[in-house]
Amino acid sequence: MHTELYLVRHGETLWNLEKRFQGQIDSPLTENGREQARILGEFLQGVSFDVLITSDLGRAEETARLVNSFLNISAFTTEPLLRERNFGIFHGLNREEAEKKYPQEAAMIWSGNSDAAVPGGESKNQLRQRVQQFLDELPVKYPGKRILAVTHGGVVNTAIRLVLRIPFEAPRRFKLPNTGLSIFVYEENEWFLRAMNVICPLNNRHIYDDTV
């Protein structure tokens, strides 16, 4: 059964601009971020979706609603599995502040150890398990459907690595633009990546940062 997943990162937020760890704490979409979402919605008007799923964090849900104002997808649901990685004590800090305030924890996280987690946060492997669960459940819940899902940079990165079998310890060599679109196809009991981080050609208002 052929199932399609259109996976989108949320629009630009204030903390994206300030390069702060958002994780599971929200900061508002900027006007640029809202415009990114509207342009993406307009771009996708020619595609027929069966369901819209969004992370239950505010920045993703607002992005999803703005996109859906152009698509009018009636089946709209939130999914906690699509939340960003929990960064615990790093929430609200930029990298320099995190390294200064929590030097030991920062060194552990930057070491590349996929099992490392700051107090109150998640490891890369814990995030991987969440995203794998989402990918496993999707074709069972929505066989033969086309799904639009709005989520976060960490989730998009993880999904791409899982499908392409890129080691989680390996440095990321691709960018994750706000409202960038990646398309996955499930067939013959396996996920494949059809397109990666597509940017709507109408939209030149993207930033390429590593903050989540």
N, C-alpha and C. Protein backbone atom coordinates (compact mmCIF):
# COMPACT_ATOMS: atom_id res chain seq x y z
N MET A 1 0.84 -1.19 0.00
CA MET A 1 0.00 0.00 0.00
C MET A 1 0.88 1.25 0.00
N HIS A 2 0.60 2.17 -0.89
CA HIS A 2 1.41 3.37 -1.10
C HIS A 2 0.90 4.49 -0.18
N THR A 3 1.72 4.92 0.77
CA THR A 3 1.37 6.02 1.68
C THR A 3 2.41 7.12 1.53
N GLU A 4 1.97 8.37 1.52
CA GLU A 4 2.88 9.50 1.36
C GLU A 4 2.85 10.40 2.60
N LEU A 5 4.02 10.86 3.00
CA LEU A 5 4.17 11.79 4.11
C LEU A 5 4.89 13.04 3.64
N TYR A 6 4.21 14.17 3.73
CA TYR A 6 4.82 15.47 3.46
C TYR A 6 5.17 16.07 4.83
N LEU A 7 6.46 16.13 5.14
CA LEU A 7 6.92 16.54 6.47
C LEU A 7 7.50 17.95 6.39
N VAL A 8 6.96 18.85 7.22
CA VAL A 8 7.30 20.27 7.16
C VAL A 8 7.82 20.76 8.50
N ARG A 9 8.88 21.54 8.48
CA ARG A 9 9.32 22.24 9.68
C ARG A 9 8.47 23.50 9.86
N HIS A 10 8.22 23.88 11.10
CA HIS A 10 7.42 25.07 11.41
C HIS A 10 8.06 26.34 10.86
N GLY A 11 7.29 27.42 10.85
CA GLY A 11 7.79 28.72 10.40
C GLY A 11 8.77 29.34 11.39
N GLU A 12 9.45 30.35 10.93
CA GLU A 12 10.46 31.04 11.74
C GLU A 12 9.85 31.60 13.02
N THR A 13 10.59 31.46 14.12
CA THR A 13 10.17 32.00 15.42
C THR A 13 11.17 33.03 15.92
N LEU A 14 10.77 33.71 16.97
CA LEU A 14 11.66 34.70 17.59
C LEU A 14 12.94 34.04 18.08
N TRP A 15 12.82 32.88 18.71
CA TRP A 15 14.02 32.22 19.24
C TRP A 15 14.87 31.62 18.13
N ASN A 16 14.29 31.31 16.97
CA ASN A 16 15.13 30.96 15.81
C ASN A 16 16.06 32.11 15.49
N LEU A 17 15.50 33.32 15.45
CA LEU A 17 16.31 34.50 15.13
C LEU A 17 17.40 34.72 16.17
N GLU A 18 17.07 34.46 17.43
CA GLU A 18 18.02 34.66 18.52
C GLU A 18 18.90 33.43 18.76
N LYS A 19 18.69 32.38 17.96
CA LYS A 19 19.47 31.14 18.03
C LYS A 19 19.44 30.52 19.43
N ARG A 20 18.23 30.46 19.99
CA ARG A 20 18.03 29.86 21.31
C ARG A 20 17.41 28.47 21.18
N PHE A 21 17.74 27.62 22.15
CA PHE A 21 17.14 26.29 22.18
C PHE A 21 15.67 26.42 22.57
N GLN A 22 14.79 26.03 21.65
CA GLN A 22 13.35 26.07 21.94
C GLN A 22 12.89 24.74 22.52
N GLY A 23 13.30 23.64 21.88
CA GLY A 23 12.89 22.34 22.37
C GLY A 23 11.39 22.25 22.53
N GLN A 24 10.95 21.97 23.74
CA GLN A 24 9.52 21.84 24.02
C GLN A 24 8.95 23.06 24.72
N ILE A 25 9.68 24.18 24.65
CA ILE A 25 9.18 25.49 25.09
C ILE A 25 8.92 26.31 23.84
N ASP A 26 7.86 27.08 23.85
CA ASP A 26 7.50 27.83 22.65
C ASP A 26 7.97 29.27 22.69
N SER A 27 8.30 29.78 21.51
CA SER A 27 8.39 31.21 21.28
C SER A 27 7.52 31.49 20.06
N PRO A 28 7.00 32.70 19.91
CA PRO A 28 6.02 32.96 18.86
C PRO A 28 6.63 32.98 17.47
N LEU A 29 5.80 32.64 16.49
CA LEU A 29 6.20 32.85 15.10
C LEU A 29 6.41 34.33 14.86
N THR A 30 7.43 34.66 14.10
CA THR A 30 7.60 36.03 13.64
C THR A 30 6.62 36.29 12.49
N GLU A 31 6.48 37.54 12.10
CA GLU A 31 5.63 37.82 10.94
C GLU A 31 6.19 37.14 9.71
N ASN A 32 7.53 37.08 9.62
CA ASN A 32 8.15 36.34 8.52
C ASN A 32 7.76 34.87 8.56
N GLY A 33 7.75 34.29 9.77
CA GLY A 33 7.36 32.89 9.92
C GLY A 33 5.92 32.64 9.50
N ARG A 34 5.04 33.56 9.86
CA ARG A 34 3.64 33.42 9.44
C ARG A 34 3.51 33.55 7.93
N GLU A 35 4.29 34.45 7.34
CA GLU A 35 4.25 34.60 5.88
C GLU A 35 4.81 33.35 5.20
N GLN A 36 5.86 32.76 5.76
CA GLN A 36 6.39 31.51 5.22
C GLN A 36 5.31 30.44 5.17
N ALA A 37 4.53 30.34 6.26
CA ALA A 37 3.47 29.34 6.33
C ALA A 37 2.38 29.61 5.30
N ARG A 38 2.00 30.87 5.15
CA ARG A 38 0.97 31.21 4.17
C ARG A 38 1.43 30.89 2.75
N ILE A 39 2.68 31.21 2.45
CA ILE A 39 3.20 30.95 1.11
C ILE A 39 3.27 29.44 0.85
N LEU A 40 3.67 28.68 1.87
CA LEU A 40 3.69 27.22 1.71
C LEU A 40 2.29 26.69 1.45
N GLY A 41 1.31 27.21 2.19
CA GLY A 41 -0.07 26.78 1.97
C GLY A 41 -0.52 27.05 0.55
N GLU A 42 -0.18 28.23 0.03
CA GLU A 42 -0.53 28.57 -1.34
C GLU A 42 0.17 27.63 -2.32
N PHE A 43 1.43 27.33 -2.05
CA PHE A 43 2.23 26.45 -2.92
C PHE A 43 1.63 25.05 -3.00
N LEU A 44 1.05 24.57 -1.88
CA LEU A 44 0.54 23.20 -1.80
C LEU A 44 -0.91 23.07 -2.23
N GLN A 45 -1.52 24.14 -2.69
CA GLN A 45 -2.94 24.09 -3.02
C GLN A 45 -3.29 23.06 -4.09
N GLY A 46 -2.35 22.73 -4.94
CA GLY A 46 -2.63 21.75 -5.98
C GLY A 46 -2.51 20.31 -5.54
N VAL A 47 -2.14 20.09 -4.27
CA VAL A 47 -1.96 18.73 -3.74
C VAL A 47 -3.16 18.37 -2.88
N SER A 48 -3.68 17.18 -3.03
CA SER A 48 -4.82 16.72 -2.26
C SER A 48 -4.34 15.89 -1.07
N PHE A 49 -4.64 16.36 0.15
CA PHE A 49 -4.22 15.66 1.37
C PHE A 49 -5.43 15.03 2.06
N ASP A 50 -5.19 13.88 2.69
CA ASP A 50 -6.26 13.20 3.42
C ASP A 50 -6.31 13.59 4.88
N VAL A 51 -5.17 13.96 5.44
CA VAL A 51 -5.12 14.31 6.86
C VAL A 51 -3.97 15.26 7.11
N LEU A 52 -4.15 16.14 8.11
CA LEU A 52 -3.11 17.06 8.56
C LEU A 52 -2.79 16.73 10.01
N ILE A 53 -1.54 16.43 10.27
CA ILE A 53 -1.08 16.11 11.62
C ILE A 53 -0.04 17.14 12.02
N THR A 54 -0.12 17.63 13.25
CA THR A 54 0.87 18.60 13.71
C THR A 54 1.35 18.26 15.11
N SER A 55 2.59 18.58 15.38
CA SER A 55 3.08 18.60 16.75
C SER A 55 2.14 19.45 17.58
N ASP A 56 1.98 19.09 18.86
CA ASP A 56 1.08 19.86 19.72
C ASP A 56 1.76 21.08 20.34
N LEU A 57 2.99 21.40 19.92
CA LEU A 57 3.63 22.63 20.37
C LEU A 57 3.12 23.81 19.54
N GLY A 58 3.02 24.97 20.18
CA GLY A 58 2.32 26.10 19.59
C GLY A 58 2.86 26.56 18.25
N ARG A 59 4.19 26.60 18.09
CA ARG A 59 4.76 27.13 16.85
C ARG A 59 4.44 26.23 15.66
N ALA A 60 4.37 24.92 15.91
CA ALA A 60 4.00 24.00 14.83
C ALA A 60 2.50 24.07 14.55
N GLU A 61 1.70 24.14 15.60
CA GLU A 61 0.25 24.17 15.40
C GLU A 61 -0.17 25.46 14.70
N GLU A 62 0.44 26.59 15.05
CA GLU A 62 0.11 27.83 14.35
C GLU A 62 0.50 27.74 12.87
N THR A 63 1.68 27.19 12.61
CA THR A 63 2.10 27.00 11.22
C THR A 63 1.09 26.13 10.47
N ALA A 64 0.67 25.04 11.09
CA ALA A 64 -0.27 24.12 10.45
C ALA A 64 -1.59 24.81 10.13
N ARG A 65 -2.08 25.62 11.05
CA ARG A 65 -3.37 26.29 10.82
C ARG A 65 -3.25 27.33 9.71
N LEU A 66 -2.13 28.01 9.64
CA LEU A 66 -1.94 28.98 8.56
C LEU A 66 -1.85 28.27 7.21
N VAL A 67 -1.11 27.18 7.16
CA VAL A 67 -1.02 26.40 5.92
C VAL A 67 -2.41 25.89 5.53
N ASN A 68 -3.15 25.40 6.52
CA ASN A 68 -4.45 24.80 6.24
C ASN A 68 -5.51 25.82 5.86
N SER A 69 -5.26 27.09 6.11
CA SER A 69 -6.21 28.11 5.67
C SER A 69 -6.31 28.14 4.15
N PHE A 70 -5.31 27.58 3.47
CA PHE A 70 -5.32 27.48 2.01
C PHE A 70 -5.77 26.10 1.53
N LEU A 71 -5.65 25.09 2.38
CA LEU A 71 -5.89 23.71 1.95
C LEU A 71 -7.22 23.15 2.42
N ASN A 72 -7.71 23.64 3.56
CA ASN A 72 -9.01 23.19 4.10
C ASN A 72 -9.07 21.67 4.29
N ILE A 73 -8.04 21.13 4.90
CA ILE A 73 -8.03 19.70 5.22
C ILE A 73 -8.92 19.49 6.44
N SER A 74 -9.96 18.71 6.31
CA SER A 74 -10.93 18.57 7.40
C SER A 74 -10.42 17.68 8.53
N ALA A 75 -9.62 16.67 8.19
CA ALA A 75 -9.06 15.77 9.21
C ALA A 75 -7.78 16.40 9.76
N PHE A 76 -7.87 17.02 10.94
CA PHE A 76 -6.77 17.80 11.54
C PHE A 76 -6.57 17.27 12.95
N THR A 77 -5.35 16.83 13.25
CA THR A 77 -5.09 16.26 14.57
C THR A 77 -3.71 16.63 15.07
N THR A 78 -3.52 16.63 16.38
CA THR A 78 -2.20 16.88 16.98
C THR A 78 -1.57 15.56 17.40
N GLU A 79 -0.24 15.55 17.42
CA GLU A 79 0.50 14.32 17.71
C GLU A 79 1.72 14.63 18.57
N PRO A 80 1.70 14.23 19.86
CA PRO A 80 2.86 14.49 20.74
C PRO A 80 4.15 13.84 20.26
N LEU A 81 4.08 12.76 19.49
CA LEU A 81 5.30 12.12 18.98
C LEU A 81 6.10 13.05 18.08
N LEU A 82 5.44 14.09 17.54
CA LEU A 82 6.10 15.03 16.64
C LEU A 82 6.72 16.22 17.37
N ARG A 83 6.70 16.21 18.69
CA ARG A 83 7.33 17.31 19.44
C ARG A 83 8.83 17.35 19.17
N GLU A 84 9.38 18.56 19.33
CA GLU A 84 10.83 18.72 19.23
C GLU A 84 11.50 17.98 20.39
N ARG A 85 12.77 17.72 20.23
CA ARG A 85 13.57 17.13 21.30
C ARG A 85 13.50 18.02 22.53
N ASN A 86 13.38 17.40 23.69
CA ASN A 86 13.35 18.13 24.96
C ASN A 86 14.79 18.47 25.36
N PHE A 87 15.09 19.77 25.50
CA PHE A 87 16.44 20.21 25.84
C PHE A 87 16.59 20.58 27.31
N GLY A 88 15.60 20.27 28.14
CA GLY A 88 15.74 20.43 29.57
C GLY A 88 16.28 21.77 30.00
N ILE A 89 17.39 21.76 30.75
CA ILE A 89 17.96 22.99 31.31
C ILE A 89 18.52 23.93 30.25
N PHE A 90 18.64 23.48 29.02
CA PHE A 90 19.12 24.36 27.93
C PHE A 90 18.01 25.23 27.33
N HIS A 91 16.77 24.95 27.65
CA HIS A 91 15.67 25.71 27.07
C HIS A 91 15.84 27.21 27.28
N GLY A 92 15.71 27.97 26.22
CA GLY A 92 15.79 29.43 26.29
C GLY A 92 17.19 29.99 26.20
N LEU A 93 18.20 29.11 26.19
CA LEU A 93 19.59 29.57 26.12
C LEU A 93 20.11 29.45 24.69
N ASN A 94 21.09 30.29 24.35
CA ASN A 94 21.81 30.05 23.10
C ASN A 94 23.02 29.17 23.43
N ARG A 95 23.76 28.78 22.42
CA ARG A 95 24.84 27.83 22.65
C ARG A 95 25.90 28.42 23.58
N GLU A 96 26.27 29.68 23.38
CA GLU A 96 27.29 30.30 24.22
C GLU A 96 26.84 30.34 25.67
N GLU A 97 25.58 30.69 25.91
CA GLU A 97 25.05 30.74 27.28
C GLU A 97 25.02 29.35 27.90
N ALA A 98 24.64 28.34 27.11
CA ALA A 98 24.60 26.97 27.63
C ALA A 98 26.00 26.49 28.03
N GLU A 99 26.99 26.80 27.20
CA GLU A 99 28.36 26.37 27.49
C GLU A 99 28.91 27.08 28.72
N LYS A 100 28.51 28.32 28.92
CA LYS A 100 29.00 29.09 30.07
C LYS A 100 28.31 28.65 31.36
N LYS A 101 26.99 28.43 31.30
CA LYS A 101 26.22 28.11 32.50
C LYS A 101 26.33 26.64 32.88
N TYR A 102 26.42 25.77 31.89
CA TYR A 102 26.46 24.33 32.14
C TYR A 102 27.59 23.69 31.32
N PRO A 103 28.85 24.00 31.65
CA PRO A 103 29.96 23.54 30.80
C PRO A 103 30.07 22.02 30.69
N GLN A 104 29.86 21.30 31.78
CA GLN A 104 29.99 19.84 31.73
C GLN A 104 28.89 19.22 30.87
N GLU A 105 27.67 19.70 31.09
CA GLU A 105 26.54 19.17 30.32
C GLU A 105 26.68 19.51 28.83
N ALA A 106 27.16 20.72 28.55
CA ALA A 106 27.33 21.13 27.15
C ALA A 106 28.39 20.27 26.46
N ALA A 107 29.50 20.02 27.14
CA ALA A 107 30.55 19.19 26.56
C ALA A 107 30.04 17.79 26.26
N MET A 108 29.20 17.27 27.16
CA MET A 108 28.64 15.94 26.97
C MET A 108 27.73 15.90 25.74
N ILE A 109 26.88 16.93 25.59
CA ILE A 109 25.95 16.97 24.46
C ILE A 109 26.70 17.15 23.14
N TRP A 110 27.69 18.04 23.11
CA TRP A 110 28.41 18.29 21.86
C TRP A 110 29.36 17.15 21.49
N SER A 111 29.54 16.19 22.39
CA SER A 111 30.48 15.09 22.12
C SER A 111 30.00 14.16 21.01
N GLY A 112 28.71 14.21 20.69
CA GLY A 112 28.16 13.34 19.66
C GLY A 112 27.58 12.04 20.20
N ASN A 113 27.65 11.85 21.52
CA ASN A 113 27.09 10.65 22.14
C ASN A 113 25.57 10.66 22.02
N SER A 114 25.01 9.71 21.31
CA SER A 114 23.57 9.69 21.06
C SER A 114 22.74 9.35 22.29
N ASP A 115 23.39 8.85 23.34
CA ASP A 115 22.68 8.55 24.59
C ASP A 115 22.77 9.69 25.60
N ALA A 116 23.52 10.74 25.28
CA ALA A 116 23.70 11.85 26.21
C ALA A 116 22.44 12.72 26.26
N ALA A 117 22.07 13.13 27.48
CA ALA A 117 20.92 14.02 27.66
C ALA A 117 21.22 14.95 28.83
N VAL A 118 20.84 16.21 28.70
CA VAL A 118 21.00 17.15 29.81
C VAL A 118 19.89 16.88 30.81
N PRO A 119 20.04 17.33 32.07
CA PRO A 119 18.99 17.15 33.06
C PRO A 119 17.64 17.69 32.56
N GLY A 120 16.63 16.85 32.67
CA GLY A 120 15.29 17.24 32.24
C GLY A 120 15.06 17.11 30.76
N GLY A 121 16.06 16.63 30.01
CA GLY A 121 15.95 16.59 28.55
C GLY A 121 15.97 15.18 27.99
N GLU A 122 16.00 15.10 26.66
CA GLU A 122 16.03 13.83 25.94
C GLU A 122 17.37 13.65 25.24
N SER A 123 17.74 12.42 25.05
CA SER A 123 18.90 12.11 24.22
C SER A 123 18.46 12.00 22.76
N LYS A 124 19.44 11.97 21.85
CA LYS A 124 19.12 11.75 20.44
C LYS A 124 18.43 10.40 20.24
N ASN A 125 18.85 9.41 21.00
CA ASN A 125 18.24 8.08 20.85
C ASN A 125 16.80 8.05 21.33
N GLN A 126 16.50 8.82 22.37
CA GLN A 126 15.11 8.89 22.82
C GLN A 126 14.24 9.57 21.76
N LEU A 127 14.77 10.63 21.14
CA LEU A 127 14.04 11.27 20.05
C LEU A 127 13.89 10.30 18.88
N ARG A 128 14.95 9.57 18.57
CA ARG A 128 14.90 8.60 17.48
C ARG A 128 13.78 7.59 17.71
N GLN A 129 13.63 7.10 18.93
CA GLN A 129 12.59 6.12 19.23
C GLN A 129 11.20 6.71 19.00
N ARG A 130 11.01 7.98 19.37
CA ARG A 130 9.72 8.65 19.15
C ARG A 130 9.40 8.75 17.67
N VAL A 131 10.38 9.21 16.90
CA VAL A 131 10.16 9.40 15.46
C VAL A 131 9.96 8.06 14.77
N GLN A 132 10.71 7.05 15.19
CA GLN A 132 10.53 5.71 14.61
C GLN A 132 9.12 5.19 14.90
N GLN A 133 8.62 5.44 16.10
CA GLN A 133 7.26 5.02 16.44
C GLN A 133 6.24 5.71 15.53
N PHE A 134 6.44 7.01 15.30
CA PHE A 134 5.54 7.75 14.40
C PHE A 134 5.56 7.16 13.00
N LEU A 135 6.75 6.90 12.47
CA LEU A 135 6.87 6.35 11.12
C LEU A 135 6.29 4.93 11.03
N ASP A 136 6.44 4.16 12.09
CA ASP A 136 5.89 2.80 12.09
C ASP A 136 4.36 2.81 12.12
N GLU A 137 3.79 3.74 12.89
CA GLU A 137 2.34 3.77 13.08
C GLU A 137 1.60 4.39 11.90
N LEU A 138 2.27 5.31 11.19
CA LEU A 138 1.58 6.10 10.17
C LEU A 138 0.93 5.25 9.07
N PRO A 139 1.68 4.33 8.43
CA PRO A 139 1.05 3.54 7.36
C PRO A 139 0.00 2.56 7.86
N VAL A 140 0.01 2.27 9.15
CA VAL A 140 -1.01 1.40 9.73
C VAL A 140 -2.30 2.20 9.95
N LYS A 141 -2.15 3.42 10.46
CA LYS A 141 -3.31 4.27 10.71
C LYS A 141 -3.91 4.85 9.43
N TYR A 142 -3.03 5.15 8.47
CA TYR A 142 -3.48 5.84 7.25
C TYR A 142 -2.96 5.15 5.98
N PRO A 143 -3.31 3.88 5.80
CA PRO A 143 -2.80 3.17 4.61
C PRO A 143 -3.35 3.78 3.32
N GLY A 144 -2.45 4.00 2.38
CA GLY A 144 -2.86 4.54 1.09
C GLY A 144 -3.21 6.01 1.09
N LYS A 145 -2.91 6.72 2.18
CA LYS A 145 -3.28 8.12 2.30
C LYS A 145 -2.08 9.04 2.06
N ARG A 146 -2.39 10.30 1.81
CA ARG A 146 -1.35 11.33 1.71
C ARG A 146 -1.49 12.23 2.93
N ILE A 147 -0.43 12.31 3.73
CA ILE A 147 -0.46 13.00 5.01
C ILE A 147 0.44 14.22 4.97
N LEU A 148 -0.05 15.33 5.47
CA LEU A 148 0.78 16.52 5.69
C LEU A 148 1.03 16.63 7.18
N ALA A 149 2.29 16.70 7.59
CA ALA A 149 2.64 16.77 9.00
C ALA A 149 3.56 17.96 9.25
N VAL A 150 3.23 18.76 10.26
CA VAL A 150 4.04 19.93 10.62
C VAL A 150 4.74 19.63 11.93
N THR A 151 6.05 19.82 11.96
CA THR A 151 6.84 19.40 13.10
C THR A 151 8.03 20.34 13.29
N HIS A 152 9.16 19.80 13.69
CA HIS A 152 10.32 20.59 14.12
C HIS A 152 11.59 20.08 13.45
N GLY A 153 12.63 20.91 13.51
CA GLY A 153 13.88 20.56 12.85
C GLY A 153 14.48 19.24 13.33
N GLY A 154 14.44 19.01 14.64
CA GLY A 154 15.00 17.78 15.17
C GLY A 154 14.28 16.54 14.68
N VAL A 155 12.97 16.65 14.53
CA VAL A 155 12.18 15.51 14.04
C VAL A 155 12.46 15.27 12.55
N VAL A 156 12.52 16.34 11.77
CA VAL A 156 12.82 16.20 10.34
C VAL A 156 14.20 15.57 10.15
N ASN A 157 15.18 16.08 10.88
CA ASN A 157 16.54 15.53 10.82
C ASN A 157 16.54 14.05 11.16
N THR A 158 15.82 13.68 12.21
CA THR A 158 15.78 12.29 12.65
C THR A 158 15.10 11.40 11.62
N ALA A 159 14.00 11.86 11.05
CA ALA A 159 13.29 11.07 10.04
C ALA A 159 14.18 10.82 8.81
N ILE A 160 14.87 11.86 8.38
CA ILE A 160 15.77 11.72 7.22
C ILE A 160 16.88 10.71 7.53
N ARG A 161 17.47 10.81 8.71
CA ARG A 161 18.54 9.88 9.09
C ARG A 161 18.03 8.44 9.17
N LEU A 162 16.84 8.27 9.73
CA LEU A 162 16.29 6.92 9.83
C LEU A 162 16.06 6.30 8.46
N VAL A 163 15.46 7.07 7.56
CA VAL A 163 15.12 6.53 6.24
C VAL A 163 16.37 6.30 5.39
N LEU A 164 17.32 7.23 5.47
CA LEU A 164 18.56 7.10 4.68
C LEU A 164 19.64 6.30 5.41
N ARG A 165 19.35 5.92 6.66
CA ARG A 165 20.27 5.13 7.47
C ARG A 165 21.59 5.86 7.69
N ILE A 166 21.49 7.13 7.99
CA ILE A 166 22.66 7.94 8.33
C ILE A 166 22.91 7.79 9.83
N PRO A 167 24.11 7.43 10.26
CA PRO A 167 24.38 7.28 11.69
C PRO A 167 24.08 8.56 12.46
N PHE A 168 23.50 8.40 13.63
CA PHE A 168 23.13 9.56 14.43
C PHE A 168 24.34 10.26 15.03
N GLU A 169 25.47 9.56 15.07
CA GLU A 169 26.70 10.17 15.56
C GLU A 169 27.36 11.04 14.50
N ALA A 170 26.97 10.87 13.25
CA ALA A 170 27.59 11.61 12.15
C ALA A 170 27.11 13.06 12.15
N PRO A 171 28.00 14.03 11.89
CA PRO A 171 27.59 15.44 11.81
C PRO A 171 26.54 15.62 10.72
N ARG A 172 25.61 16.54 10.97
CA ARG A 172 24.60 16.83 9.95
C ARG A 172 25.20 17.67 8.85
N ARG A 173 25.05 17.23 7.60
CA ARG A 173 25.60 17.91 6.43
C ARG A 173 24.50 18.45 5.52
N PHE A 174 23.34 18.70 6.09
CA PHE A 174 22.25 19.29 5.32
C PHE A 174 21.54 20.31 6.20
N LYS A 175 20.93 21.31 5.56
CA LYS A 175 20.24 22.38 6.26
C LYS A 175 18.77 22.03 6.45
N LEU A 176 18.15 22.68 7.43
CA LEU A 176 16.74 22.44 7.75
C LEU A 176 16.00 23.77 7.79
N PRO A 177 15.65 24.33 6.64
CA PRO A 177 15.02 25.65 6.62
C PRO A 177 13.62 25.64 7.21
N ASN A 178 13.23 26.76 7.78
CA ASN A 178 11.86 26.91 8.25
C ASN A 178 10.89 26.73 7.09
N THR A 179 9.85 25.96 7.31
CA THR A 179 8.84 25.53 6.32
C THR A 179 9.44 24.76 5.15
N GLY A 180 10.66 24.24 5.32
CA GLY A 180 11.20 23.32 4.33
C GLY A 180 10.37 22.03 4.31
N LEU A 181 10.20 21.46 3.14
CA LEU A 181 9.31 20.32 2.93
C LEU A 181 10.12 19.10 2.48
N SER A 182 9.95 17.99 3.20
CA SER A 182 10.54 16.71 2.78
C SER A 182 9.41 15.72 2.54
N ILE A 183 9.54 14.93 1.47
CA ILE A 183 8.47 14.01 1.08
C ILE A 183 8.98 12.57 1.20
N PHE A 184 8.23 11.77 1.95
CA PHE A 184 8.56 10.36 2.17
C PHE A 184 7.45 9.50 1.58
N VAL A 185 7.83 8.35 1.04
CA VAL A 185 6.87 7.42 0.45
C VAL A 185 7.06 6.05 1.09
N TYR A 186 5.94 5.46 1.53
CA TYR A 186 5.97 4.12 2.12
C TYR A 186 5.40 3.12 1.12
N GLU A 187 6.23 2.19 0.69
CA GLU A 187 5.79 1.14 -0.21
C GLU A 187 6.66 -0.09 0.00
N GLU A 188 6.08 -1.25 -0.24
CA GLU A 188 6.78 -2.52 -0.03
C GLU A 188 7.35 -2.61 1.39
N ASN A 189 6.55 -2.11 2.35
CA ASN A 189 6.87 -2.19 3.77
C ASN A 189 8.14 -1.43 4.16
N GLU A 190 8.42 -0.35 3.44
CA GLU A 190 9.62 0.43 3.73
C GLU A 190 9.41 1.88 3.34
N TRP A 191 10.03 2.79 4.11
CA TRP A 191 9.98 4.22 3.79
C TRP A 191 11.12 4.59 2.85
N PHE A 192 10.81 5.47 1.90
CA PHE A 192 11.80 6.02 0.98
C PHE A 192 11.68 7.54 1.00
N LEU A 193 12.79 8.23 0.74
CA LEU A 193 12.80 9.68 0.67
C LEU A 193 12.70 10.11 -0.79
N ARG A 194 11.63 10.83 -1.11
CA ARG A 194 11.43 11.29 -2.49
C ARG A 194 12.02 12.68 -2.71
N ALA A 195 11.87 13.56 -1.74
CA ALA A 195 12.38 14.94 -1.85
C ALA A 195 12.79 15.41 -0.47
N MET A 196 13.81 16.27 -0.42
CA MET A 196 14.37 16.67 0.87
C MET A 196 14.50 18.18 0.96
N ASN A 197 13.86 18.75 1.98
CA ASN A 197 13.99 20.17 2.30
C ASN A 197 13.72 21.08 1.10
N VAL A 198 12.62 20.80 0.42
CA VAL A 198 12.18 21.65 -0.68
C VAL A 198 11.71 22.98 -0.12
N ILE A 199 12.14 24.08 -0.75
CA ILE A 199 11.71 25.42 -0.36
C ILE A 199 10.77 25.94 -1.43
N CYS A 200 9.63 26.44 -1.00
CA CYS A 200 8.67 26.98 -1.95
C CYS A 200 9.33 28.05 -2.80
N PRO A 201 9.24 27.96 -4.13
CA PRO A 201 9.92 28.93 -5.00
C PRO A 201 9.38 30.35 -4.88
N LEU A 202 8.19 30.50 -4.28
CA LEU A 202 7.64 31.84 -4.08
C LEU A 202 8.26 32.54 -2.88
N ASN A 203 9.00 31.78 -2.08
CA ASN A 203 9.40 32.28 -0.77
C ASN A 203 10.91 32.39 -0.66
N ASN A 204 11.42 33.61 -0.54
CA ASN A 204 12.85 33.82 -0.32
C ASN A 204 13.13 34.27 1.09
N ARG A 205 12.19 34.04 1.99
CA ARG A 205 12.33 34.53 3.36
C ARG A 205 12.70 33.40 4.32
N HIS A 206 13.67 32.64 3.99
CA HIS A 206 14.07 31.53 4.84
C HIS A 206 15.40 31.82 5.53
N ILE A 207 15.54 31.23 6.72
CA ILE A 207 16.82 31.27 7.41
C ILE A 207 17.34 29.84 7.51
N TYR A 208 18.64 29.70 7.60
CA TYR A 208 19.27 28.39 7.69
C TYR A 208 20.06 28.35 9.00
N ASP A 209 19.39 27.99 10.07
CA ASP A 209 20.05 27.96 11.36
C ASP A 209 19.95 26.57 11.95
N ASP A 210 20.69 26.34 13.02
CA ASP A 210 20.70 25.03 13.66
C ASP A 210 19.93 25.04 14.97
N THR A 211 19.17 26.09 15.25
CA THR A 211 18.43 26.15 16.50
C THR A 211 17.10 25.46 16.34
N VAL A 212 16.62 24.88 17.42
CA VAL A 212 15.39 24.12 17.37
C VAL A 212 14.43 24.60 18.46
